[in-house]
Amino acid sequence: MKAKEYCHIPYIRYLDDEGEALQQLPAWTENHETLIDYYRAMVIARAGDAKAVALQRTGQMGTYPSSLGQEAISTVCCSLLEKDDVLIPYYRDLPGLMKRGIPLSDVLLYWGGDERGSAGKAWGKDFPNCVPIATQAGHAAGVATAFKIRNQHHVALVSMGDGATSKGDFTEALNLAGTWQLPIVFIINNNQWAISVPRKIQSGAPTLAQKGVSAGLPSIQVDGNDVIALHEAVSSAINQARSGKGATVIEAITYRLGDHTTADDASRYRESEELQEAWGREPIKRLRNFLYHRGLWDEEKEQQLKREATELIDSEVKRYLNTPLPEVSDLFDYHYAQMPAQLEKQKRQALAKANGRAH
């Protein structure tokens, strides 16, 4: 028996590539402010993302992973979380971090090589960006286990790329979530590329979502460029987790319109025709068309939003660039409860050099 015959994975989609409804829309969409909020957040996040790339290209920031074309997934997920829920993000979650109230300047500071960007008050209990592949899945299982032990009705939401689903950390976290009925939502951002490895050869599974079935978890696919479909899938999964009914795996289908990071050149392994086709399915244009067609958005509002985005981002970039460098002592002060003598000596030498004195 073939895999496709015994493992049916539901696929959720409400809007076509041009923003036209494919079926009757959920009742919540009558609250137009929710859809407009999603649109505004995605536009601002894309502008912030473009600025981050520009900062790296001009030597003002380190390597950066763009979220271009994938804004809907993170935006919707983080909009639906409550304050006391915990986000365990991966490195391509700029839109969601901004939706959770993390200042863009913090994100830029982090990618500029300053760990203080992950330590601002706005982060609350949310975890910092995870760069190692799939290790955040185990962290999420730990967070969710704590919630369950404390009888807290909170949710851990963890995101990852398609490549992460091939790592043992992911499988182990799924097994824990299924065995212990943990309140987790696993979000797979299937952007079709694990760095330069295309989805079709990265995993032999017909869907990535079905990997959750082996752990006994409800597992679905959703159009990751369709905010309505995402809202339906993610809100249902969060409600299930919060009510004590366990975890869900959601594979959100999208496309990485940019390079893997600013250290990559995707044109070396990706056909331009494929990229051009993907631009026709991107989420911001799709939602903008939907709003325009229903008279909920117009050119005046669009231009006003762009001005607001520019003003906000310019302010955050200025804040990032004007952030004083960390103290030299920070290199030494946070390793041990009691600093060893050799490290104390190195600290004195470093401070002397920083202050322009002889050793």
Protein backbone atom coordinates (compact mmCIF):
# COMPACT_ATOMS: atom_id res chain seq x y z
CA MET A 1 0.00 0.00 0.00
CA LYS A 2 1.38 3.42 -0.94
CA ALA A 3 1.81 6.16 1.63
CA LYS A 4 -0.74 8.39 -0.04
CA GLU A 5 -3.35 5.64 0.34
CA TYR A 6 -3.13 5.26 4.10
CA CYS A 7 -2.23 8.74 5.27
CA HIS A 8 -4.71 11.42 4.26
CA ILE A 9 -3.63 14.92 5.23
CA PRO A 10 -6.32 17.65 5.00
CA TYR A 11 -5.40 20.79 3.06
CA ILE A 12 -7.00 24.14 3.94
CA ARG A 13 -7.30 27.04 1.49
CA TYR A 14 -9.84 29.85 1.20
CA LEU A 15 -8.32 32.35 -1.24
CA ASP A 16 -6.86 31.75 -4.67
CA ASP A 17 -3.66 33.41 -5.85
CA GLU A 18 -5.55 36.58 -6.84
CA GLY A 19 -7.36 36.94 -3.52
CA GLU A 20 -10.73 35.59 -4.68
CA ALA A 21 -12.72 33.35 -2.34
CA LEU A 22 -12.73 29.67 -3.27
CA GLN A 23 -15.43 28.73 -0.77
CA GLN A 24 -17.66 30.28 1.85
CA LEU A 25 -15.54 32.28 4.26
CA PRO A 26 -15.59 31.79 8.05
CA ALA A 27 -17.82 34.11 10.05
CA TRP A 28 -14.89 35.86 11.75
CA THR A 29 -13.85 37.40 8.41
CA GLU A 30 -16.81 39.74 8.75
CA ASN A 31 -14.65 41.49 11.33
CA HIS A 32 -12.69 43.34 8.69
CA GLU A 33 -10.33 44.85 11.22
CA THR A 34 -8.69 41.45 11.77
CA LEU A 35 -7.85 41.13 8.08
CA ILE A 36 -6.67 44.73 7.85
CA ASP A 37 -4.48 44.19 10.90
CA TYR A 38 -2.89 41.17 9.23
CA TYR A 39 -2.26 43.19 6.10
CA ARG A 40 -0.72 46.13 7.93
CA ALA A 41 1.54 43.85 9.96
CA MET A 42 2.79 42.02 6.87
CA VAL A 43 3.51 45.22 4.94
CA ILE A 44 5.45 46.71 7.87
CA ALA A 45 7.35 43.45 8.41
CA ARG A 46 8.34 43.25 4.75
CA ALA A 47 9.63 46.80 4.85
CA GLY A 48 11.61 46.01 7.99
CA ASP A 49 12.95 42.87 6.37
CA ALA A 50 14.13 44.83 3.31
CA LYS A 51 15.87 47.34 5.56
CA ALA A 52 17.64 44.54 7.43
CA VAL A 53 18.98 43.16 4.14
CA ALA A 54 20.13 46.67 3.15
CA LEU A 55 21.94 47.10 6.47
CA GLN A 56 23.80 43.85 5.93
CA ARG A 57 24.69 44.73 2.36
CA THR A 58 26.20 48.03 3.53
CA GLY A 59 28.24 46.43 6.30
CA GLN A 60 26.08 47.71 9.16
CA MET A 61 24.78 44.31 10.28
CA GLY A 62 25.76 40.64 10.16
CA THR A 63 24.31 37.77 8.15
CA TYR A 64 20.53 37.94 8.05
CA PRO A 65 17.78 35.44 6.98
CA SER A 66 15.01 37.16 5.03
CA SER A 67 11.32 36.34 5.55
CA LEU A 68 10.37 37.67 2.10
CA GLY A 69 7.22 35.95 0.83
CA GLN A 70 6.60 34.10 4.09
CA GLU A 71 5.15 36.92 6.18
CA ALA A 72 1.65 35.48 6.56
CA ILE A 73 2.64 32.42 8.58
CA SER A 74 4.48 34.16 11.40
CA THR A 75 2.11 37.14 11.43
CA VAL A 76 -1.02 35.05 11.91
CA CYS A 77 0.52 32.63 14.40
CA CYS A 78 1.78 35.37 16.69
CA SER A 79 -1.41 37.41 16.39
CA LEU A 80 -3.39 34.50 17.80
CA LEU A 81 -1.15 33.81 20.78
CA GLU A 82 -2.07 35.24 24.16
CA LYS A 83 0.36 37.19 26.33
CA ASP A 84 1.17 34.26 28.63
CA ASP A 85 1.67 31.79 25.80
CA VAL A 86 5.27 31.21 24.77
CA LEU A 87 6.68 31.62 21.28
CA ILE A 88 9.70 29.48 20.43
CA PRO A 89 10.73 31.03 17.10
CA TYR A 90 13.29 30.17 14.52
CA TYR A 91 15.47 32.56 12.58
CA ARG A 92 12.91 33.48 9.90
CA ASP A 93 10.24 34.84 12.24
CA LEU A 94 10.76 38.61 12.04
CA PRO A 95 7.05 39.29 11.22
CA GLY A 96 5.88 37.33 14.24
CA LEU A 97 8.41 38.88 16.58
CA MET A 98 7.21 42.34 15.59
CA LYS A 99 3.60 41.22 16.11
CA ARG A 100 4.54 40.05 19.61
CA GLY A 101 5.79 43.56 20.35
CA ILE A 102 9.52 42.98 19.89
CA PRO A 103 11.07 46.22 18.61
CA LEU A 104 12.73 45.93 15.20
CA SER A 105 15.80 47.51 16.79
CA ASP A 106 16.14 44.47 19.07
CA VAL A 107 16.02 42.12 16.09
CA LEU A 108 18.61 44.20 14.23
CA LEU A 109 20.80 44.29 17.32
CA TYR A 110 20.74 40.50 17.51
CA TRP A 111 21.69 40.05 13.85
CA GLY A 112 24.30 42.74 14.38
CA GLY A 113 26.05 40.34 16.76
CA ASP A 114 24.81 41.79 20.04
CA GLU A 115 23.01 39.30 22.28
CA ARG A 116 21.31 42.15 24.13
CA GLY A 117 18.89 42.10 21.21
CA SER A 118 17.39 38.95 22.72
CA ALA A 119 17.21 40.31 26.27
CA GLY A 120 14.88 43.30 26.05
CA LYS A 121 11.85 43.52 28.32
CA ALA A 122 9.49 43.14 25.36
CA TRP A 123 10.56 39.53 24.90
CA GLY A 124 8.80 38.48 28.11
CA LYS A 125 8.88 34.67 28.32
CA ASP A 126 9.28 34.18 24.58
CA PHE A 127 12.47 32.46 23.48
CA PRO A 128 15.15 34.17 21.39
CA ASN A 129 15.75 33.31 17.74
CA CYS A 130 16.90 29.72 17.24
CA VAL A 131 19.58 29.35 14.58
CA PRO A 132 20.56 25.66 15.09
CA ILE A 133 18.16 23.55 13.05
CA ALA A 134 15.27 21.92 14.97
CA THR A 135 16.69 22.24 18.48
CA GLN A 136 13.84 24.60 19.31
CA ALA A 137 11.37 21.71 18.98
CA GLY A 138 12.79 20.12 22.11
CA HIS A 139 12.74 23.47 23.89
CA ALA A 140 9.03 23.75 23.07
CA ALA A 141 8.39 20.31 24.53
CA GLY A 142 10.06 21.44 27.74
CA VAL A 143 8.00 24.63 27.91
CA ALA A 144 4.78 22.72 27.28
CA THR A 145 5.68 20.12 29.89
CA ALA A 146 6.12 22.90 32.45
CA PHE A 147 2.69 24.26 31.54
CA LYS A 148 1.15 20.85 32.06
CA ILE A 149 2.89 20.17 35.36
CA ARG A 150 1.77 23.57 36.66
CA ASN A 151 -1.76 23.06 35.33
CA GLN A 152 -1.46 26.29 33.35
CA HIS A 153 -3.68 26.67 30.31
CA HIS A 154 -0.98 28.21 28.16
CA VAL A 155 0.35 27.16 24.77
CA ALA A 156 3.84 26.74 23.34
CA LEU A 157 4.04 27.57 19.64
CA VAL A 158 7.21 26.52 17.86
CA SER A 159 8.13 27.29 14.26
CA MET A 160 10.70 25.73 11.96
CA GLY A 161 11.60 25.34 8.32
CA ASP A 162 10.97 22.28 6.17
CA GLY A 163 14.57 21.10 6.61
CA ALA A 164 14.09 20.91 10.38
CA THR A 165 11.56 18.10 9.96
CA SER A 166 14.40 15.82 8.85
CA LYS A 167 16.23 16.22 12.17
CA GLY A 168 15.93 13.88 15.12
CA ASP A 169 15.13 16.78 17.47
CA PHE A 170 11.85 17.29 15.62
CA THR A 171 10.88 13.61 15.76
CA GLU A 172 11.72 13.37 19.45
CA ALA A 173 9.65 16.45 20.26
CA LEU A 174 6.70 15.02 18.33
CA ASN A 175 6.97 11.79 20.29
CA LEU A 176 6.98 13.64 23.62
CA ALA A 177 4.04 15.80 22.55
CA GLY A 178 2.00 12.78 21.53
CA THR A 179 2.89 10.61 24.52
CA TRP A 180 2.35 13.31 27.12
CA GLN A 181 -0.49 15.21 25.41
CA LEU A 182 1.49 18.44 25.52
CA PRO A 183 0.01 21.86 24.66
CA ILE A 184 2.18 22.57 21.61
CA VAL A 185 1.49 23.86 18.12
CA PHE A 186 4.20 22.81 15.66
CA ILE A 187 4.38 25.19 12.68
CA ILE A 188 6.37 23.98 9.67
CA ASN A 189 7.22 26.82 7.31
CA ASN A 190 7.56 24.76 4.14
CA ASN A 191 9.18 27.36 1.90
CA GLN A 192 10.37 24.63 -0.48
CA TRP A 193 14.07 25.03 0.26
CA ALA A 194 16.35 23.63 2.97
CA ILE A 195 19.12 26.07 2.09
CA SER A 196 19.90 24.83 -1.46
CA VAL A 197 18.13 21.47 -1.16
CA PRO A 198 14.64 21.51 -2.76
CA ARG A 199 11.68 20.01 -0.93
CA LYS A 200 11.27 17.23 -3.51
CA ILE A 201 14.57 15.61 -2.55
CA GLN A 202 14.78 16.77 1.07
CA SER A 203 12.17 14.23 2.25
CA GLY A 204 10.54 11.21 0.65
CA ALA A 205 7.30 11.79 2.55
CA PRO A 206 4.42 13.01 0.33
CA THR A 207 3.73 15.70 2.95
CA LEU A 208 5.77 16.95 5.87
CA ALA A 209 2.66 17.19 8.03
CA GLN A 210 2.20 13.44 8.01
CA LYS A 211 5.33 13.06 10.10
CA GLY A 212 3.13 14.10 13.00
CA VAL A 213 0.78 11.18 12.39
CA SER A 214 3.41 8.72 13.59
CA ALA A 215 3.27 10.46 16.98
CA GLY A 216 -0.52 10.31 17.07
CA LEU A 217 -0.93 14.04 16.45
CA PRO A 218 -3.58 15.75 14.31
CA SER A 219 -1.62 16.93 11.27
CA ILE A 220 -2.73 19.20 8.42
CA GLN A 221 -1.47 21.23 5.50
CA VAL A 222 -2.53 24.81 4.93
CA ASP A 223 -1.87 27.40 2.23
CA GLY A 224 0.78 29.45 3.99
CA ASN A 225 0.10 32.49 1.80
CA ASP A 226 -3.61 32.58 2.73
CA VAL A 227 -4.20 34.43 6.02
CA ILE A 228 -7.76 33.16 6.30
CA ALA A 229 -6.71 29.54 6.01
CA LEU A 230 -3.86 30.12 8.44
CA HIS A 231 -6.17 31.80 10.94
CA GLU A 232 -8.57 28.86 10.81
CA ALA A 233 -5.87 26.22 11.19
CA VAL A 234 -3.76 27.93 13.84
CA SER A 235 -6.65 29.16 16.00
CA SER A 236 -8.11 25.65 16.04
CA ALA A 237 -4.75 24.15 17.02
CA ILE A 238 -4.19 26.72 19.76
CA ASN A 239 -7.67 26.15 21.18
CA GLN A 240 -7.09 22.40 21.18
CA ALA A 241 -3.79 22.76 23.01
CA ARG A 242 -5.20 25.24 25.52
CA SER A 243 -8.12 22.97 26.36
CA GLY A 244 -5.85 20.05 27.21
CA LYS A 245 -6.39 18.08 24.00
CA GLY A 246 -2.76 18.01 22.95
CA ALA A 247 -0.55 19.11 20.09
CA THR A 248 -1.10 19.71 16.39
CA VAL A 249 1.29 19.74 13.46
CA ILE A 250 0.62 22.37 10.76
CA GLU A 251 2.57 22.39 7.52
CA ALA A 252 2.18 25.82 5.93
CA ILE A 253 2.99 25.78 2.21
CA THR A 254 4.77 28.90 1.02
CA TYR A 255 7.89 29.89 -0.94
CA ARG A 256 11.17 31.52 -0.03
CA LEU A 257 11.34 34.46 -2.44
CA GLY A 258 14.79 35.55 -1.27
CA ASP A 259 18.10 33.84 -0.60
CA HIS A 260 18.47 31.49 2.34
CA THR A 261 20.43 34.22 4.08
CA THR A 262 22.42 37.22 2.94
CA ALA A 263 25.41 34.83 2.76
CA ASP A 264 23.62 32.81 0.06
CA ASP A 265 23.01 33.25 -3.67
CA ALA A 266 19.89 31.30 -4.60
CA SER A 267 20.33 32.04 -8.30
CA ARG A 268 23.06 29.38 -8.32
CA TYR A 269 20.57 26.58 -7.67
CA ARG A 270 17.08 27.94 -8.39
CA GLU A 271 15.47 28.57 -11.77
CA SER A 272 14.29 32.14 -12.38
CA GLU A 273 11.03 30.85 -13.89
CA GLU A 274 10.18 29.06 -10.65
CA LEU A 275 10.87 32.20 -8.64
CA GLN A 276 8.74 34.35 -10.95
CA GLU A 277 5.85 31.92 -10.64
CA ALA A 278 6.13 31.99 -6.85
CA TRP A 279 5.86 35.80 -6.83
CA GLY A 280 2.36 35.34 -8.24
CA ARG A 281 1.31 33.44 -5.11
CA GLU A 282 2.83 35.69 -2.43
CA PRO A 283 0.66 36.60 0.58
CA ILE A 284 0.71 40.41 0.67
CA LYS A 285 -0.53 40.88 -2.88
CA ARG A 286 -3.17 38.21 -2.31
CA LEU A 287 -4.61 39.85 0.80
CA ARG A 288 -4.35 43.34 -0.72
CA ASN A 289 -6.43 42.18 -3.69
CA PHE A 290 -8.99 40.65 -1.34
CA LEU A 291 -9.31 43.91 0.60
CA TYR A 292 -9.45 46.04 -2.54
CA HIS A 293 -12.16 43.88 -4.13
CA ARG A 294 -14.35 44.34 -1.06
CA GLY A 295 -13.83 48.09 -0.77
CA LEU A 296 -11.90 47.71 2.48
CA TRP A 297 -8.66 49.21 1.16
CA ASP A 298 -7.67 51.86 -1.35
CA GLU A 299 -4.63 53.66 -2.71
CA GLU A 300 -4.83 56.44 -0.13
CA LYS A 301 -4.71 53.93 2.73
CA GLU A 302 -1.90 52.09 0.99
CA GLN A 303 0.27 55.17 0.72
CA GLN A 304 -0.46 56.16 4.30
CA LEU A 305 0.58 52.69 5.48
CA LYS A 306 3.83 52.93 3.53
CA ARG A 307 4.59 56.28 5.14
CA GLU A 308 3.89 54.86 8.59
CA ALA A 309 6.12 51.87 7.88
CA THR A 310 8.97 54.07 6.67
CA GLU A 311 8.73 56.32 9.72
CA LEU A 312 8.65 53.39 12.15
CA ILE A 313 11.52 51.54 10.51
CA ASP A 314 13.73 54.61 10.18
CA SER A 315 13.23 55.27 13.89
CA GLU A 316 14.10 51.68 14.82
CA VAL A 317 17.16 51.63 12.58
CA LYS A 318 18.40 54.85 14.16
CA ARG A 319 17.90 53.33 17.59
CA TYR A 320 19.87 50.24 16.54
CA LEU A 321 22.74 52.19 15.00
CA ASN A 322 22.98 54.49 18.04
CA THR A 323 23.03 51.70 20.60
CA PRO A 324 26.32 51.95 22.56
CA LEU A 325 28.63 48.96 22.28
CA PRO A 326 28.54 46.43 25.12
CA GLU A 327 30.99 46.78 27.96
CA VAL A 328 34.19 44.75 27.57
CA SER A 329 33.48 43.22 30.97
CA ASP A 330 30.34 41.60 29.52
CA LEU A 331 32.64 39.14 27.74
CA PHE A 332 33.66 37.73 31.10
CA ASP A 333 30.94 38.37 33.67
CA TYR A 334 28.27 35.84 32.69
CA HIS A 335 30.12 32.53 32.43
CA TYR A 336 30.58 31.43 36.03
CA ALA A 337 28.91 32.07 39.36
CA GLN A 338 32.43 32.65 40.71
CA MET A 339 34.96 33.78 38.12
CA PRO A 340 38.12 31.60 37.91
CA ALA A 341 41.43 33.33 38.55
CA GLN A 342 42.63 32.85 34.98
CA LEU A 343 39.50 34.47 33.58
CA GLU A 344 39.82 37.30 36.11
CA LYS A 345 43.34 37.93 34.81
CA GLN A 346 42.12 37.97 31.20
CA LYS A 347 39.38 40.41 32.15
CA ARG A 348 41.91 42.82 33.68
CA GLN A 349 44.05 42.59 30.54
CA ALA A 350 41.08 43.21 28.25
CA LEU A 351 39.90 46.20 30.27
CA ALA A 352 43.38 47.67 30.28
CA LYS A 353 43.64 47.32 26.53
CA ALA A 354 40.19 48.81 26.04
CA ASN A 355 41.17 51.78 28.16
CA GLY A 356 44.39 52.28 26.20
CA ARG A 357 46.71 51.24 29.02
CA ALA A 358 49.61 48.85 28.89
CA HIS A 359 49.06 45.29 30.11
